[in-house]
Amino acid sequence: MTTCVTCGNEIEGSEPTPDEGYGEESYAPAQTEHEGELYRFCCSEHKEEFEANPEQYV
């Protein structure tokens, strides 16, 4: 489990296999790399917010 950098919601860090399904957990559908570090987000809008001003969140 990890958290969305912009909102703090808990999200699953890796995509489940088709047999596992998503269950009650949310998969991180968006991710980006900043200064060699991988950041995960609960939605693409939060990824865009981060990319516009990463210093606010790092």
N, C-alpha and C. Protein backbone atom coordinates (compact mmCIF):
# COMPACT_ATOMS: atom_id res chain seq x y z
N MET A 1 0.83 -1.18 0.00
CA MET A 1 0.00 0.00 0.00
C MET A 1 0.88 1.24 0.00
N THR A 2 0.44 2.25 -0.68
CA THR A 2 1.14 3.54 -0.71
C THR A 2 0.08 4.63 -0.65
N THR A 3 0.49 5.88 -0.65
CA THR A 3 -0.48 6.97 -0.61
C THR A 3 -0.29 7.89 -1.80
N CYS A 4 -1.39 8.48 -2.23
CA CYS A 4 -1.36 9.48 -3.30
C CYS A 4 -0.61 10.70 -2.75
N VAL A 5 0.36 11.17 -3.49
CA VAL A 5 1.21 12.27 -3.04
C VAL A 5 0.40 13.56 -2.82
N THR A 6 -0.60 13.81 -3.64
CA THR A 6 -1.30 15.08 -3.56
C THR A 6 -2.44 15.11 -2.55
N CYS A 7 -3.12 13.97 -2.32
CA CYS A 7 -4.28 14.00 -1.43
C CYS A 7 -4.15 13.09 -0.21
N GLY A 8 -3.19 12.16 -0.23
CA GLY A 8 -2.98 11.29 0.92
C GLY A 8 -3.85 10.04 0.96
N ASN A 9 -4.71 9.83 -0.05
CA ASN A 9 -5.52 8.62 -0.08
C ASN A 9 -4.63 7.39 -0.24
N GLU A 10 -5.00 6.31 0.44
CA GLU A 10 -4.25 5.06 0.30
C GLU A 10 -4.59 4.42 -1.03
N ILE A 11 -3.56 3.95 -1.73
CA ILE A 11 -3.73 3.29 -3.01
C ILE A 11 -2.79 2.10 -3.10
N GLU A 12 -3.15 1.14 -3.88
CA GLU A 12 -2.32 -0.03 -4.11
C GLU A 12 -1.20 0.37 -5.06
N GLY A 13 0.03 0.01 -4.73
CA GLY A 13 1.18 0.42 -5.52
C GLY A 13 1.43 -0.40 -6.77
N SER A 14 0.88 -1.61 -6.85
CA SER A 14 1.11 -2.44 -8.03
C SER A 14 -0.22 -2.94 -8.56
N GLU A 15 -0.28 -3.10 -9.87
CA GLU A 15 -1.51 -3.54 -10.51
C GLU A 15 -1.77 -5.02 -10.21
N PRO A 16 -2.97 -5.37 -9.77
CA PRO A 16 -3.26 -6.78 -9.48
C PRO A 16 -3.38 -7.59 -10.77
N THR A 17 -3.15 -8.88 -10.65
CA THR A 17 -3.34 -9.76 -11.79
C THR A 17 -4.83 -9.92 -12.04
N PRO A 18 -5.24 -10.36 -13.23
CA PRO A 18 -6.67 -10.56 -13.49
C PRO A 18 -7.33 -11.51 -12.49
N ASP A 19 -6.58 -12.50 -11.99
CA ASP A 19 -7.14 -13.44 -11.01
C ASP A 19 -7.37 -12.79 -9.65
N GLU A 20 -6.51 -11.82 -9.29
CA GLU A 20 -6.62 -11.17 -8.00
C GLU A 20 -7.77 -10.16 -7.95
N GLY A 21 -7.97 -9.43 -9.05
CA GLY A 21 -8.98 -8.38 -9.05
C GLY A 21 -8.56 -7.23 -8.16
N TYR A 22 -9.42 -6.26 -8.02
CA TYR A 22 -9.10 -5.07 -7.23
C TYR A 22 -9.59 -5.16 -5.80
N GLY A 23 -10.58 -5.98 -5.53
CA GLY A 23 -11.09 -6.11 -4.18
C GLY A 23 -11.54 -4.76 -3.64
N GLU A 24 -11.20 -4.49 -2.40
CA GLU A 24 -11.58 -3.24 -1.75
C GLU A 24 -10.51 -2.16 -1.90
N GLU A 25 -9.42 -2.46 -2.58
CA GLU A 25 -8.31 -1.53 -2.67
C GLU A 25 -8.33 -0.78 -4.00
N SER A 26 -7.77 0.39 -4.02
CA SER A 26 -7.68 1.21 -5.22
C SER A 26 -6.28 1.09 -5.79
N TYR A 27 -6.17 0.78 -7.06
CA TYR A 27 -4.88 0.71 -7.73
C TYR A 27 -4.47 2.12 -8.17
N ALA A 28 -3.20 2.42 -8.09
CA ALA A 28 -2.68 3.73 -8.51
C ALA A 28 -2.67 3.80 -10.04
N PRO A 29 -3.65 4.47 -10.64
CA PRO A 29 -3.73 4.49 -12.10
C PRO A 29 -2.74 5.46 -12.76
N ALA A 30 -2.15 6.35 -11.98
CA ALA A 30 -1.23 7.33 -12.56
C ALA A 30 0.06 7.36 -11.76
N GLN A 31 1.15 7.54 -12.46
CA GLN A 31 2.45 7.64 -11.80
C GLN A 31 3.38 8.46 -12.66
N THR A 32 4.37 9.05 -12.01
CA THR A 32 5.37 9.84 -12.72
C THR A 32 6.69 9.75 -11.96
N GLU A 33 7.76 10.06 -12.66
CA GLU A 33 9.07 10.06 -12.03
C GLU A 33 9.55 11.51 -11.91
N HIS A 34 10.12 11.82 -10.76
CA HIS A 34 10.66 13.17 -10.51
C HIS A 34 11.98 13.01 -9.79
N GLU A 35 13.04 13.54 -10.39
CA GLU A 35 14.39 13.46 -9.83
C GLU A 35 14.76 12.05 -9.40
N GLY A 36 14.44 11.08 -10.27
CA GLY A 36 14.80 9.68 -10.03
C GLY A 36 13.89 8.92 -9.09
N GLU A 37 12.86 9.56 -8.56
CA GLU A 37 11.93 8.93 -7.62
C GLU A 37 10.58 8.72 -8.31
N LEU A 38 9.96 7.56 -8.08
CA LEU A 38 8.66 7.25 -8.66
C LEU A 38 7.56 7.68 -7.68
N TYR A 39 6.61 8.45 -8.18
CA TYR A 39 5.47 8.91 -7.38
C TYR A 39 4.19 8.36 -7.98
N ARG A 40 3.27 7.92 -7.10
CA ARG A 40 2.01 7.33 -7.55
C ARG A 40 0.84 8.19 -7.10
N PHE A 41 -0.23 8.18 -7.91
CA PHE A 41 -1.38 9.04 -7.66
C PHE A 41 -2.67 8.25 -7.84
N CYS A 42 -3.72 8.68 -7.16
CA CYS A 42 -5.01 8.00 -7.24
C CYS A 42 -5.76 8.36 -8.52
N CYS A 43 -5.36 9.42 -9.21
CA CYS A 43 -6.02 9.81 -10.46
C CYS A 43 -5.07 10.67 -11.30
N SER A 44 -5.38 10.78 -12.58
CA SER A 44 -4.51 11.53 -13.48
C SER A 44 -4.52 13.03 -13.16
N GLU A 45 -5.62 13.55 -12.60
CA GLU A 45 -5.68 14.96 -12.24
C GLU A 45 -4.64 15.29 -11.16
N HIS A 46 -4.47 14.38 -10.20
CA HIS A 46 -3.48 14.61 -9.15
C HIS A 46 -2.06 14.52 -9.71
N LYS A 47 -1.85 13.65 -10.67
CA LYS A 47 -0.55 13.57 -11.33
C LYS A 47 -0.23 14.89 -12.02
N GLU A 48 -1.22 15.46 -12.71
CA GLU A 48 -1.02 16.73 -13.40
C GLU A 48 -0.73 17.85 -12.41
N GLU A 49 -1.43 17.87 -11.27
CA GLU A 49 -1.17 18.87 -10.22
C GLU A 49 0.28 18.77 -9.74
N PHE A 50 0.72 17.53 -9.50
CA PHE A 50 2.09 17.31 -9.03
C PHE A 50 3.10 17.78 -10.07
N GLU A 51 2.89 17.40 -11.33
CA GLU A 51 3.84 17.76 -12.39
C GLU A 51 3.90 19.27 -12.60
N ALA A 52 2.82 19.99 -12.33
CA ALA A 52 2.80 21.43 -12.49
C ALA A 52 3.64 22.13 -11.40
N ASN A 53 3.72 21.50 -10.22
CA ASN A 53 4.45 22.12 -9.11
C ASN A 53 4.96 21.05 -8.13
N PRO A 54 5.92 20.24 -8.55
CA PRO A 54 6.38 19.13 -7.70
C PRO A 54 6.97 19.59 -6.36
N GLU A 55 7.58 20.76 -6.32
CA GLU A 55 8.20 21.24 -5.09
C GLU A 55 7.17 21.39 -3.95
N GLN A 56 5.92 21.62 -4.32
CA GLN A 56 4.87 21.76 -3.32
C GLN A 56 4.62 20.44 -2.57
N TYR A 57 4.90 19.31 -3.23
CA TYR A 57 4.56 18.01 -2.67
C TYR A 57 5.75 17.20 -2.21
N VAL A 58 6.95 17.52 -2.67
CA VAL A 58 8.14 16.75 -2.32
C VAL A 58 8.75 17.27 -1.04
